[in-house]
Amino acid sequence: MVTEVRGVTDADFEAEVIGSELPVLVEFTADWCPPCWQMGPVLKALAAEAGERLKVVQLNVDTNPATTNAYKVLSMPTFMVFRDGEPVKAMVGARPRRRLLEELADVL
């Protein structure tokens, strides 16, 4: 069971996210983004709670422009859920754990 939030890059996005057997929650984040920092503990808790049903990863938008541009991410944090290699849900902005779980209920 995976309980950590892994970092992904342009180089391994295909393997880690598109090719994942589990649904994947990707947080598009940046070091300069205070709401992104607030989401760190929330994502860790989510990974620990739903790790066997959902993979949770972070992608730094500043160091991974190809993926960021490919999915037209403009605001941080942006959360995208990928299932079977396709984005199926997108959410923008920090949110409490309970609300995030409610919004993910249909993909878990």
N, C-alpha and C. Protein backbone atom coordinates (compact mmCIF):
# COMPACT_ATOMS: atom_id res chain seq x y z
N MET A 1 0.85 -1.19 0.00
CA MET A 1 0.00 0.00 0.00
C MET A 1 0.89 1.25 0.00
N VAL A 2 0.59 2.18 -0.87
CA VAL A 2 1.36 3.42 -0.97
C VAL A 2 0.71 4.46 -0.07
N THR A 3 1.52 5.08 0.77
CA THR A 3 0.95 6.08 1.67
C THR A 3 1.62 7.43 1.51
N GLU A 4 2.56 7.55 0.57
CA GLU A 4 3.19 8.84 0.40
C GLU A 4 2.69 9.52 -0.87
N VAL A 5 2.93 10.81 -0.93
CA VAL A 5 2.61 11.58 -2.12
C VAL A 5 3.90 11.72 -2.90
N ARG A 6 3.96 11.07 -4.06
CA ARG A 6 5.18 11.08 -4.86
C ARG A 6 5.19 12.26 -5.81
N GLY A 7 6.38 12.70 -6.13
CA GLY A 7 6.53 13.72 -7.16
C GLY A 7 6.66 13.06 -8.52
N VAL A 8 6.02 13.64 -9.52
CA VAL A 8 6.18 13.16 -10.89
C VAL A 8 6.71 14.31 -11.74
N THR A 9 7.26 13.96 -12.90
CA THR A 9 7.87 14.94 -13.79
C THR A 9 7.35 14.75 -15.21
N ASP A 10 7.73 15.68 -16.08
CA ASP A 10 7.41 15.49 -17.50
C ASP A 10 7.92 14.14 -17.99
N ALA A 11 9.11 13.76 -17.51
CA ALA A 11 9.76 12.53 -17.99
C ALA A 11 9.01 11.26 -17.59
N ASP A 12 8.44 11.23 -16.38
CA ASP A 12 7.79 9.98 -15.96
C ASP A 12 6.26 10.08 -15.83
N PHE A 13 5.68 11.19 -16.28
CA PHE A 13 4.23 11.37 -16.19
C PHE A 13 3.48 10.26 -16.92
N GLU A 14 3.95 9.93 -18.10
CA GLU A 14 3.32 8.86 -18.90
C GLU A 14 3.27 7.55 -18.11
N ALA A 15 4.40 7.15 -17.56
CA ALA A 15 4.48 5.87 -16.84
C ALA A 15 3.72 5.92 -15.52
N GLU A 16 3.88 6.99 -14.76
CA GLU A 16 3.31 7.07 -13.41
C GLU A 16 1.82 7.38 -13.39
N VAL A 17 1.35 8.19 -14.35
CA VAL A 17 -0.04 8.65 -14.33
C VAL A 17 -0.85 8.01 -15.45
N ILE A 18 -0.45 8.23 -16.69
CA ILE A 18 -1.21 7.71 -17.83
C ILE A 18 -1.28 6.19 -17.80
N GLY A 19 -0.18 5.54 -17.43
CA GLY A 19 -0.13 4.08 -17.44
C GLY A 19 -0.55 3.42 -16.14
N SER A 20 -1.02 4.19 -15.17
CA SER A 20 -1.37 3.62 -13.87
C SER A 20 -2.64 2.78 -13.95
N GLU A 21 -2.61 1.65 -13.23
CA GLU A 21 -3.81 0.82 -13.15
C GLU A 21 -4.85 1.44 -12.21
N LEU A 22 -4.38 2.17 -11.20
CA LEU A 22 -5.28 2.86 -10.27
C LEU A 22 -5.65 4.23 -10.82
N PRO A 23 -6.78 4.79 -10.40
CA PRO A 23 -7.01 6.21 -10.68
C PRO A 23 -5.91 7.01 -10.01
N VAL A 24 -5.54 8.15 -10.59
CA VAL A 24 -4.46 8.98 -10.06
C VAL A 24 -4.96 10.40 -9.84
N LEU A 25 -4.73 10.92 -8.62
CA LEU A 25 -4.99 12.33 -8.33
C LEU A 25 -3.66 13.06 -8.48
N VAL A 26 -3.61 14.00 -9.43
CA VAL A 26 -2.41 14.79 -9.65
C VAL A 26 -2.65 16.19 -9.11
N GLU A 27 -1.76 16.64 -8.22
CA GLU A 27 -1.80 18.03 -7.80
C GLU A 27 -0.74 18.78 -8.60
N PHE A 28 -1.18 19.74 -9.41
CA PHE A 28 -0.27 20.63 -10.10
C PHE A 28 0.07 21.73 -9.09
N THR A 29 1.33 21.82 -8.69
CA THR A 29 1.72 22.65 -7.57
C THR A 29 2.93 23.51 -7.92
N ALA A 30 3.27 24.43 -7.02
CA ALA A 30 4.45 25.27 -7.20
C ALA A 30 5.01 25.63 -5.83
N ASP A 31 6.32 25.79 -5.76
CA ASP A 31 6.98 26.11 -4.49
C ASP A 31 6.53 27.46 -3.93
N TRP A 32 6.12 28.37 -4.81
CA TRP A 32 5.76 29.73 -4.41
C TRP A 32 4.27 29.87 -4.08
N CYS A 33 3.55 28.78 -3.99
CA CYS A 33 2.09 28.79 -3.86
C CYS A 33 1.65 28.40 -2.44
N PRO A 34 1.32 29.39 -1.57
CA PRO A 34 0.88 29.07 -0.20
C PRO A 34 -0.31 28.10 -0.13
N PRO A 35 -1.35 28.24 -0.97
CA PRO A 35 -2.45 27.24 -0.89
C PRO A 35 -1.96 25.83 -1.21
N CYS A 36 -0.93 25.72 -2.04
CA CYS A 36 -0.37 24.39 -2.35
C CYS A 36 0.27 23.79 -1.09
N TRP A 37 0.96 24.65 -0.32
CA TRP A 37 1.58 24.16 0.92
C TRP A 37 0.51 23.64 1.87
N GLN A 38 -0.63 24.34 1.94
CA GLN A 38 -1.71 23.92 2.83
C GLN A 38 -2.24 22.54 2.45
N MET A 39 -2.14 22.18 1.19
CA MET A 39 -2.70 20.91 0.73
C MET A 39 -1.78 19.72 1.03
N GLY A 40 -0.52 19.99 1.39
CA GLY A 40 0.42 18.90 1.66
C GLY A 40 -0.10 17.88 2.67
N PRO A 41 -0.47 18.32 3.88
CA PRO A 41 -0.99 17.36 4.87
C PRO A 41 -2.29 16.69 4.44
N VAL A 42 -3.13 17.42 3.72
CA VAL A 42 -4.40 16.86 3.24
C VAL A 42 -4.12 15.72 2.26
N LEU A 43 -3.17 15.94 1.33
CA LEU A 43 -2.85 14.91 0.35
C LEU A 43 -2.18 13.71 1.00
N LYS A 44 -1.32 13.96 1.99
CA LYS A 44 -0.68 12.85 2.72
C LYS A 44 -1.74 11.99 3.40
N ALA A 45 -2.70 12.64 4.05
CA ALA A 45 -3.78 11.91 4.72
C ALA A 45 -4.61 11.11 3.71
N LEU A 46 -4.89 11.73 2.58
CA LEU A 46 -5.65 11.05 1.52
C LEU A 46 -4.89 9.84 0.99
N ALA A 47 -3.59 10.00 0.76
CA ALA A 47 -2.77 8.88 0.27
C ALA A 47 -2.78 7.73 1.28
N ALA A 48 -2.70 8.07 2.57
CA ALA A 48 -2.70 7.04 3.61
C ALA A 48 -4.06 6.34 3.69
N GLU A 49 -5.12 7.12 3.52
CA GLU A 49 -6.48 6.59 3.67
C GLU A 49 -6.95 5.81 2.45
N ALA A 50 -6.60 6.29 1.26
CA ALA A 50 -7.15 5.70 0.03
C ALA A 50 -6.06 5.11 -0.87
N GLY A 51 -4.88 4.86 -0.30
CA GLY A 51 -3.73 4.42 -1.09
C GLY A 51 -3.92 3.18 -1.93
N GLU A 52 -4.81 2.27 -1.50
CA GLU A 52 -5.02 1.06 -2.30
C GLU A 52 -6.03 1.29 -3.42
N ARG A 53 -6.75 2.43 -3.38
CA ARG A 53 -7.75 2.73 -4.41
C ARG A 53 -7.38 3.91 -5.29
N LEU A 54 -6.44 4.73 -4.81
CA LEU A 54 -6.11 5.97 -5.50
C LEU A 54 -4.63 6.28 -5.30
N LYS A 55 -3.96 6.60 -6.41
CA LYS A 55 -2.56 7.04 -6.34
C LYS A 55 -2.59 8.57 -6.27
N VAL A 56 -1.77 9.15 -5.38
CA VAL A 56 -1.73 10.60 -5.21
C VAL A 56 -0.31 11.08 -5.54
N VAL A 57 -0.22 12.00 -6.50
CA VAL A 57 1.10 12.51 -6.92
C VAL A 57 1.05 14.03 -7.05
N GLN A 58 2.23 14.64 -7.06
CA GLN A 58 2.37 16.08 -7.26
C GLN A 58 3.28 16.34 -8.44
N LEU A 59 2.96 17.37 -9.20
CA LEU A 59 3.79 17.79 -10.33
C LEU A 59 4.09 19.28 -10.16
N ASN A 60 5.37 19.62 -10.09
CA ASN A 60 5.79 21.01 -9.96
C ASN A 60 5.66 21.68 -11.33
N VAL A 61 4.81 22.70 -11.42
CA VAL A 61 4.54 23.33 -12.72
C VAL A 61 5.74 24.10 -13.26
N ASP A 62 6.58 24.62 -12.36
CA ASP A 62 7.73 25.42 -12.79
C ASP A 62 8.81 24.57 -13.46
N THR A 63 8.97 23.34 -12.99
CA THR A 63 10.03 22.48 -13.53
C THR A 63 9.50 21.46 -14.54
N ASN A 64 8.20 21.47 -14.79
CA ASN A 64 7.59 20.51 -15.72
C ASN A 64 6.58 21.20 -16.63
N PRO A 65 7.06 22.13 -17.47
CA PRO A 65 6.14 22.92 -18.29
C PRO A 65 5.40 22.12 -19.37
N ALA A 66 5.98 21.05 -19.87
CA ALA A 66 5.33 20.30 -20.96
C ALA A 66 4.00 19.72 -20.50
N THR A 67 4.01 19.05 -19.37
CA THR A 67 2.77 18.45 -18.85
C THR A 67 1.79 19.53 -18.42
N THR A 68 2.30 20.56 -17.76
CA THR A 68 1.46 21.68 -17.31
C THR A 68 0.73 22.30 -18.51
N ASN A 69 1.45 22.56 -19.58
CA ASN A 69 0.84 23.16 -20.78
C ASN A 69 -0.08 22.18 -21.49
N ALA A 70 0.28 20.91 -21.52
CA ALA A 70 -0.54 19.91 -22.21
C ALA A 70 -1.95 19.84 -21.63
N TYR A 71 -2.06 20.05 -20.31
CA TYR A 71 -3.37 19.98 -19.66
C TYR A 71 -3.94 21.36 -19.34
N LYS A 72 -3.31 22.39 -19.92
CA LYS A 72 -3.80 23.78 -19.82
C LYS A 72 -4.03 24.22 -18.37
N VAL A 73 -3.07 23.90 -17.51
CA VAL A 73 -3.15 24.27 -16.10
C VAL A 73 -2.68 25.71 -15.95
N LEU A 74 -3.53 26.57 -15.41
CA LEU A 74 -3.22 27.98 -15.25
C LEU A 74 -3.17 28.43 -13.80
N SER A 75 -3.87 27.75 -12.90
CA SER A 75 -3.95 28.15 -11.50
C SER A 75 -3.41 27.04 -10.61
N MET A 76 -2.82 27.45 -9.49
CA MET A 76 -2.31 26.48 -8.53
C MET A 76 -3.04 26.65 -7.21
N PRO A 77 -3.34 25.57 -6.52
CA PRO A 77 -3.19 24.21 -7.02
C PRO A 77 -4.36 23.82 -7.92
N THR A 78 -4.06 23.04 -8.93
CA THR A 78 -5.08 22.39 -9.74
C THR A 78 -4.96 20.90 -9.47
N PHE A 79 -6.10 20.27 -9.26
CA PHE A 79 -6.14 18.82 -9.05
C PHE A 79 -6.82 18.19 -10.25
N MET A 80 -6.20 17.16 -10.81
CA MET A 80 -6.82 16.40 -11.89
C MET A 80 -6.81 14.93 -11.53
N VAL A 81 -7.93 14.28 -11.80
CA VAL A 81 -8.02 12.84 -11.60
C VAL A 81 -7.93 12.19 -12.97
N PHE A 82 -7.01 11.25 -13.09
CA PHE A 82 -6.83 10.49 -14.33
C PHE A 82 -7.28 9.06 -14.08
N ARG A 83 -8.09 8.54 -15.00
CA ARG A 83 -8.51 7.14 -14.95
C ARG A 83 -8.31 6.57 -16.35
N ASP A 84 -7.66 5.43 -16.41
CA ASP A 84 -7.38 4.77 -17.70
C ASP A 84 -6.68 5.72 -18.66
N GLY A 85 -5.78 6.54 -18.12
CA GLY A 85 -4.97 7.42 -18.96
C GLY A 85 -5.63 8.71 -19.38
N GLU A 86 -6.88 8.94 -18.97
CA GLU A 86 -7.61 10.14 -19.37
C GLU A 86 -7.98 10.98 -18.16
N PRO A 87 -7.92 12.33 -18.30
CA PRO A 87 -8.40 13.16 -17.20
C PRO A 87 -9.92 13.08 -17.13
N VAL A 88 -10.45 12.75 -15.95
CA VAL A 88 -11.89 12.60 -15.79
C VAL A 88 -12.50 13.65 -14.88
N LYS A 89 -11.66 14.40 -14.16
CA LYS A 89 -12.16 15.42 -13.24
C LYS A 89 -11.06 16.43 -13.00
N ALA A 90 -11.44 17.71 -12.87
CA ALA A 90 -10.47 18.76 -12.54
C ALA A 90 -11.09 19.67 -11.49
N MET A 91 -10.26 20.08 -10.53
CA MET A 91 -10.70 20.98 -9.46
C MET A 91 -9.59 22.00 -9.25
N VAL A 92 -9.95 23.25 -9.01
CA VAL A 92 -8.96 24.30 -8.82
C VAL A 92 -9.11 24.89 -7.43
N GLY A 93 -7.98 25.04 -6.74
CA GLY A 93 -7.97 25.70 -5.44
C GLY A 93 -7.85 24.73 -4.28
N ALA A 94 -7.29 25.25 -3.18
CA ALA A 94 -7.17 24.46 -1.95
C ALA A 94 -8.55 24.17 -1.39
N ARG A 95 -8.67 23.05 -0.72
CA ARG A 95 -9.93 22.66 -0.12
C ARG A 95 -9.65 21.78 1.09
N PRO A 96 -10.59 21.76 2.05
CA PRO A 96 -10.41 20.88 3.21
C PRO A 96 -10.52 19.41 2.80
N ARG A 97 -9.96 18.54 3.62
CA ARG A 97 -9.93 17.11 3.33
C ARG A 97 -11.34 16.56 3.09
N ARG A 98 -12.29 16.95 3.92
CA ARG A 98 -13.65 16.41 3.78
C ARG A 98 -14.23 16.76 2.42
N ARG A 99 -14.05 18.02 1.99
CA ARG A 99 -14.59 18.42 0.69
C ARG A 99 -13.88 17.69 -0.45
N LEU A 100 -12.56 17.53 -0.32
CA LEU A 100 -11.82 16.80 -1.35
C LEU A 100 -12.33 15.37 -1.45
N LEU A 101 -12.54 14.73 -0.32
CA LEU A 101 -13.08 13.36 -0.33
C LEU A 101 -14.45 13.30 -0.97
N GLU A 102 -15.30 14.28 -0.67
CA GLU A 102 -16.64 14.32 -1.28
C GLU A 102 -16.52 14.45 -2.80
N GLU A 103 -15.61 15.31 -3.24
CA GLU A 103 -15.46 15.52 -4.69
C GLU A 103 -14.83 14.31 -5.40
N LEU A 104 -14.12 13.49 -4.63
CA LEU A 104 -13.48 12.31 -5.22
C LEU A 104 -14.34 11.05 -5.08
N ALA A 105 -15.47 11.15 -4.40
CA ALA A 105 -16.29 9.97 -4.10
C ALA A 105 -16.66 9.18 -5.36
N ASP A 106 -16.94 9.87 -6.46
CA ASP A 106 -17.36 9.17 -7.67
C ASP A 106 -16.21 8.50 -8.41
N VAL A 107 -14.96 8.80 -8.05
CA VAL A 107 -13.84 8.15 -8.73
C VAL A 107 -13.13 7.14 -7.85
N LEU A 108 -13.47 7.12 -6.57
CA LEU A 108 -12.84 6.15 -5.66
C LEU A 108 -13.56 4.83 -5.67
